[in-house]
Amino acid sequence: MFSLWLELVGEKQKTFLDNLNRLEKLGIIESTETWLQLRGLRDQMVHEYIDSPEVLANALNQAAQHIDFLQKSMDNVLFDLKSRRLS
């Protein structure tokens, strides 16, 4: 999502971390650190074999606590695209 947004608004794409820092600076995301934490949770749930239901439940609960953060990030992208008349 963010790569496409960066392309649409004419931002030069760099490394994932540089892109997140740019998104934070532009106000699209509130925190690069939070985004990195959520990415780590995603990797844990998707790419790592979790043999303990408790570990999986803990990861899902942690992710669920950030639904508002994720929703706000998406809302910011959509608002920005509308304000630029790109949507």
N, C-alpha and C. Protein backbone atom coordinates (compact mmCIF):
# COMPACT_ATOMS: atom_id res chain seq x y z
N MET A 1 0.82 -1.18 0.00
CA MET A 1 0.00 0.00 0.00
C MET A 1 0.87 1.25 0.00
N PHE A 2 1.87 1.27 0.88
CA PHE A 2 2.68 2.47 0.99
C PHE A 2 3.55 2.68 -0.24
N SER A 3 4.04 1.61 -0.82
CA SER A 3 4.85 1.74 -2.04
C SER A 3 4.04 2.37 -3.16
N LEU A 4 2.81 1.93 -3.31
CA LEU A 4 1.94 2.49 -4.33
C LEU A 4 1.65 3.96 -4.04
N TRP A 5 1.38 4.29 -2.79
CA TRP A 5 1.11 5.68 -2.42
C TRP A 5 2.33 6.55 -2.74
N LEU A 6 3.52 6.09 -2.35
CA LEU A 6 4.74 6.86 -2.63
C LEU A 6 4.89 7.10 -4.12
N GLU A 7 4.62 6.08 -4.92
CA GLU A 7 4.72 6.21 -6.37
C GLU A 7 3.70 7.22 -6.90
N LEU A 8 2.47 7.11 -6.43
CA LEU A 8 1.41 8.01 -6.90
C LEU A 8 1.68 9.48 -6.58
N VAL A 9 2.28 9.74 -5.44
CA VAL A 9 2.51 11.14 -5.05
C VAL A 9 3.89 11.64 -5.47
N GLY A 10 4.63 10.81 -6.20
CA GLY A 10 5.91 11.25 -6.75
C GLY A 10 7.07 11.23 -5.78
N GLU A 11 6.95 10.45 -4.72
CA GLU A 11 8.04 10.32 -3.76
C GLU A 11 9.00 9.24 -4.24
N LYS A 12 10.27 9.49 -4.07
CA LYS A 12 11.30 8.51 -4.43
C LYS A 12 11.29 7.39 -3.40
N GLN A 13 11.23 6.15 -3.89
CA GLN A 13 11.22 5.02 -2.97
C GLN A 13 12.65 4.63 -2.63
N LYS A 14 12.82 4.27 -1.36
CA LYS A 14 14.13 3.87 -0.86
C LYS A 14 13.96 2.55 -0.12
N THR A 15 14.76 2.33 0.90
CA THR A 15 14.63 1.10 1.69
C THR A 15 13.31 1.14 2.45
N PHE A 16 12.87 -0.01 2.91
CA PHE A 16 11.62 -0.08 3.68
C PHE A 16 11.66 0.86 4.87
N LEU A 17 12.76 0.85 5.62
CA LEU A 17 12.87 1.71 6.79
C LEU A 17 12.88 3.18 6.40
N ASP A 18 13.59 3.53 5.35
CA ASP A 18 13.59 4.92 4.88
C ASP A 18 12.19 5.35 4.46
N ASN A 19 11.47 4.45 3.78
CA ASN A 19 10.10 4.76 3.36
C ASN A 19 9.20 4.99 4.58
N LEU A 20 9.33 4.14 5.59
CA LEU A 20 8.53 4.33 6.81
C LEU A 20 8.86 5.66 7.48
N ASN A 21 10.14 5.99 7.56
CA ASN A 21 10.52 7.27 8.16
C ASN A 21 9.93 8.44 7.37
N ARG A 22 9.93 8.34 6.05
CA ARG A 22 9.34 9.39 5.21
C ARG A 22 7.83 9.48 5.45
N LEU A 23 7.17 8.33 5.53
CA LEU A 23 5.73 8.31 5.79
C LEU A 23 5.41 8.95 7.14
N GLU A 24 6.24 8.70 8.13
CA GLU A 24 6.03 9.31 9.44
C GLU A 24 6.22 10.83 9.35
N LYS A 25 7.25 11.25 8.66
CA LYS A 25 7.52 12.68 8.51
C LYS A 25 6.37 13.39 7.79
N LEU A 26 5.76 12.71 6.83
CA LEU A 26 4.66 13.29 6.07
C LEU A 26 3.31 13.15 6.79
N GLY A 27 3.30 12.47 7.93
CA GLY A 27 2.07 12.34 8.71
C GLY A 27 1.14 11.23 8.27
N ILE A 28 1.63 10.35 7.42
CA ILE A 28 0.79 9.23 6.97
C ILE A 28 0.70 8.16 8.05
N ILE A 29 1.82 7.87 8.69
CA ILE A 29 1.80 6.97 9.84
C ILE A 29 2.26 7.75 11.06
N GLU A 30 1.80 7.32 12.22
CA GLU A 30 2.15 8.03 13.45
C GLU A 30 3.50 7.61 13.99
N SER A 31 3.93 6.38 13.69
CA SER A 31 5.16 5.89 14.31
C SER A 31 5.81 4.80 13.46
N THR A 32 7.03 5.05 13.05
CA THR A 32 7.80 4.03 12.35
C THR A 32 8.04 2.84 13.27
N GLU A 33 8.34 3.12 14.53
CA GLU A 33 8.62 2.06 15.49
C GLU A 33 7.42 1.12 15.66
N THR A 34 6.22 1.68 15.77
CA THR A 34 5.02 0.85 15.90
C THR A 34 4.83 0.01 14.65
N TRP A 35 5.05 0.61 13.48
CA TRP A 35 4.88 -0.14 12.23
C TRP A 35 5.86 -1.31 12.17
N LEU A 36 7.09 -1.09 12.62
CA LEU A 36 8.08 -2.16 12.63
C LEU A 36 7.69 -3.27 13.61
N GLN A 37 7.13 -2.88 14.75
CA GLN A 37 6.65 -3.89 15.72
C GLN A 37 5.54 -4.73 15.12
N LEU A 38 4.61 -4.08 14.43
CA LEU A 38 3.51 -4.81 13.81
C LEU A 38 4.00 -5.72 12.69
N ARG A 39 4.98 -5.26 11.96
CA ARG A 39 5.55 -6.11 10.92
C ARG A 39 6.19 -7.35 11.55
N GLY A 40 6.84 -7.17 12.68
CA GLY A 40 7.42 -8.30 13.39
C GLY A 40 6.36 -9.29 13.84
N LEU A 41 5.24 -8.77 14.32
CA LEU A 41 4.14 -9.66 14.72
C LEU A 41 3.60 -10.41 13.52
N ARG A 42 3.45 -9.71 12.40
CA ARG A 42 2.96 -10.37 11.19
C ARG A 42 3.90 -11.49 10.78
N ASP A 43 5.20 -11.19 10.79
CA ASP A 43 6.18 -12.21 10.44
C ASP A 43 6.09 -13.41 11.37
N GLN A 44 5.90 -13.12 12.64
CA GLN A 44 5.79 -14.20 13.62
C GLN A 44 4.57 -15.07 13.33
N MET A 45 3.46 -14.45 13.00
CA MET A 45 2.23 -15.21 12.78
C MET A 45 2.21 -15.92 11.44
N VAL A 46 2.86 -15.34 10.42
CA VAL A 46 2.75 -15.87 9.08
C VAL A 46 3.93 -16.76 8.70
N HIS A 47 5.12 -16.33 9.05
CA HIS A 47 6.31 -17.01 8.56
C HIS A 47 6.93 -18.00 9.53
N GLU A 48 6.64 -17.85 10.79
CA GLU A 48 7.22 -18.75 11.78
C GLU A 48 6.18 -19.78 12.19
N TYR A 49 6.64 -20.98 12.41
CA TYR A 49 5.74 -22.04 12.86
C TYR A 49 5.48 -21.84 14.35
N ILE A 50 4.24 -21.62 14.68
CA ILE A 50 3.88 -21.45 16.08
C ILE A 50 3.18 -22.72 16.54
N ASP A 51 3.86 -23.46 17.39
CA ASP A 51 3.28 -24.73 17.85
C ASP A 51 2.53 -24.58 19.16
N SER A 52 2.55 -23.40 19.71
CA SER A 52 1.86 -23.17 20.97
C SER A 52 0.65 -22.26 20.74
N PRO A 53 -0.55 -22.73 21.05
CA PRO A 53 -1.73 -21.87 20.91
C PRO A 53 -1.61 -20.59 21.74
N GLU A 54 -0.92 -20.68 22.87
CA GLU A 54 -0.77 -19.50 23.72
C GLU A 54 0.09 -18.43 23.05
N VAL A 55 1.14 -18.86 22.35
CA VAL A 55 2.02 -17.91 21.64
C VAL A 55 1.25 -17.24 20.51
N LEU A 56 0.49 -18.02 19.76
CA LEU A 56 -0.31 -17.47 18.68
C LEU A 56 -1.37 -16.52 19.22
N ALA A 57 -2.05 -16.91 20.27
CA ALA A 57 -3.09 -16.05 20.87
C ALA A 57 -2.48 -14.74 21.35
N ASN A 58 -1.30 -14.81 21.95
CA ASN A 58 -0.63 -13.60 22.42
C ASN A 58 -0.30 -12.67 21.25
N ALA A 59 0.22 -13.22 20.16
CA ALA A 59 0.54 -12.42 18.99
C ALA A 59 -0.71 -11.78 18.39
N LEU A 60 -1.78 -12.55 18.31
CA LEU A 60 -3.05 -12.01 17.78
C LEU A 60 -3.60 -10.91 18.68
N ASN A 61 -3.52 -11.10 19.98
CA ASN A 61 -3.99 -10.07 20.91
C ASN A 61 -3.17 -8.80 20.81
N GLN A 62 -1.86 -8.95 20.66
CA GLN A 62 -1.00 -7.77 20.50
C GLN A 62 -1.36 -7.02 19.21
N ALA A 63 -1.57 -7.76 18.14
CA ALA A 63 -1.93 -7.15 16.87
C ALA A 63 -3.28 -6.44 16.97
N ALA A 64 -4.22 -7.06 17.63
CA ALA A 64 -5.56 -6.47 17.76
C ALA A 64 -5.53 -5.14 18.50
N GLN A 65 -4.57 -4.96 19.38
CA GLN A 65 -4.46 -3.70 20.12
C GLN A 65 -4.07 -2.53 19.21
N HIS A 66 -3.65 -2.83 17.98
CA HIS A 66 -3.18 -1.78 17.07
C HIS A 66 -4.11 -1.56 15.89
N ILE A 67 -5.33 -2.06 15.98
CA ILE A 67 -6.28 -1.89 14.88
C ILE A 67 -6.52 -0.41 14.59
N ASP A 68 -6.66 0.41 15.62
CA ASP A 68 -6.88 1.84 15.39
C ASP A 68 -5.70 2.48 14.68
N PHE A 69 -4.49 2.09 15.04
CA PHE A 69 -3.28 2.60 14.38
C PHE A 69 -3.31 2.27 12.89
N LEU A 70 -3.64 1.02 12.57
CA LEU A 70 -3.68 0.59 11.18
C LEU A 70 -4.79 1.31 10.41
N GLN A 71 -5.95 1.45 11.05
CA GLN A 71 -7.07 2.13 10.40
C GLN A 71 -6.72 3.59 10.14
N LYS A 72 -6.10 4.24 11.10
CA LYS A 72 -5.73 5.64 10.92
C LYS A 72 -4.71 5.79 9.79
N SER A 73 -3.78 4.88 9.69
CA SER A 73 -2.79 4.92 8.61
C SER A 73 -3.49 4.84 7.26
N MET A 74 -4.44 3.91 7.13
CA MET A 74 -5.19 3.78 5.88
C MET A 74 -6.02 5.02 5.61
N ASP A 75 -6.67 5.54 6.63
CA ASP A 75 -7.46 6.77 6.47
C ASP A 75 -6.58 7.93 6.00
N ASN A 76 -5.36 8.01 6.54
CA ASN A 76 -4.45 9.08 6.15
C ASN A 76 -4.05 8.97 4.68
N VAL A 77 -3.81 7.74 4.22
CA VAL A 77 -3.48 7.53 2.80
C VAL A 77 -4.65 7.97 1.94
N LEU A 78 -5.85 7.53 2.27
CA LEU A 78 -7.03 7.87 1.47
C LEU A 78 -7.31 9.37 1.49
N PHE A 79 -7.19 9.99 2.65
CA PHE A 79 -7.40 11.44 2.75
C PHE A 79 -6.37 12.19 1.89
N ASP A 80 -5.13 11.77 1.96
CA ASP A 80 -4.09 12.42 1.17
C ASP A 80 -4.36 12.28 -0.33
N LEU A 81 -4.73 11.08 -0.76
CA LEU A 81 -5.03 10.88 -2.17
C LEU A 81 -6.20 11.74 -2.63
N LYS A 82 -7.22 11.84 -1.79
CA LYS A 82 -8.38 12.68 -2.15
C LYS A 82 -7.99 14.14 -2.21
N SER A 83 -7.16 14.59 -1.25
CA SER A 83 -6.76 15.99 -1.24
C SER A 83 -5.89 16.33 -2.47
N ARG A 84 -5.21 15.35 -3.02
CA ARG A 84 -4.40 15.54 -4.23
C ARG A 84 -5.20 15.24 -5.48
N ARG A 85 -6.46 14.86 -5.30
CA ARG A 85 -7.34 14.48 -6.41
C ARG A 85 -6.79 13.29 -7.20
N LEU A 86 -6.25 12.34 -6.47
CA LEU A 86 -5.71 11.13 -7.08
C LEU A 86 -6.58 9.91 -6.85
N SER A 87 -7.73 10.10 -6.20
CA SER A 87 -8.62 8.96 -6.00
C SER A 87 -10.00 9.27 -6.50
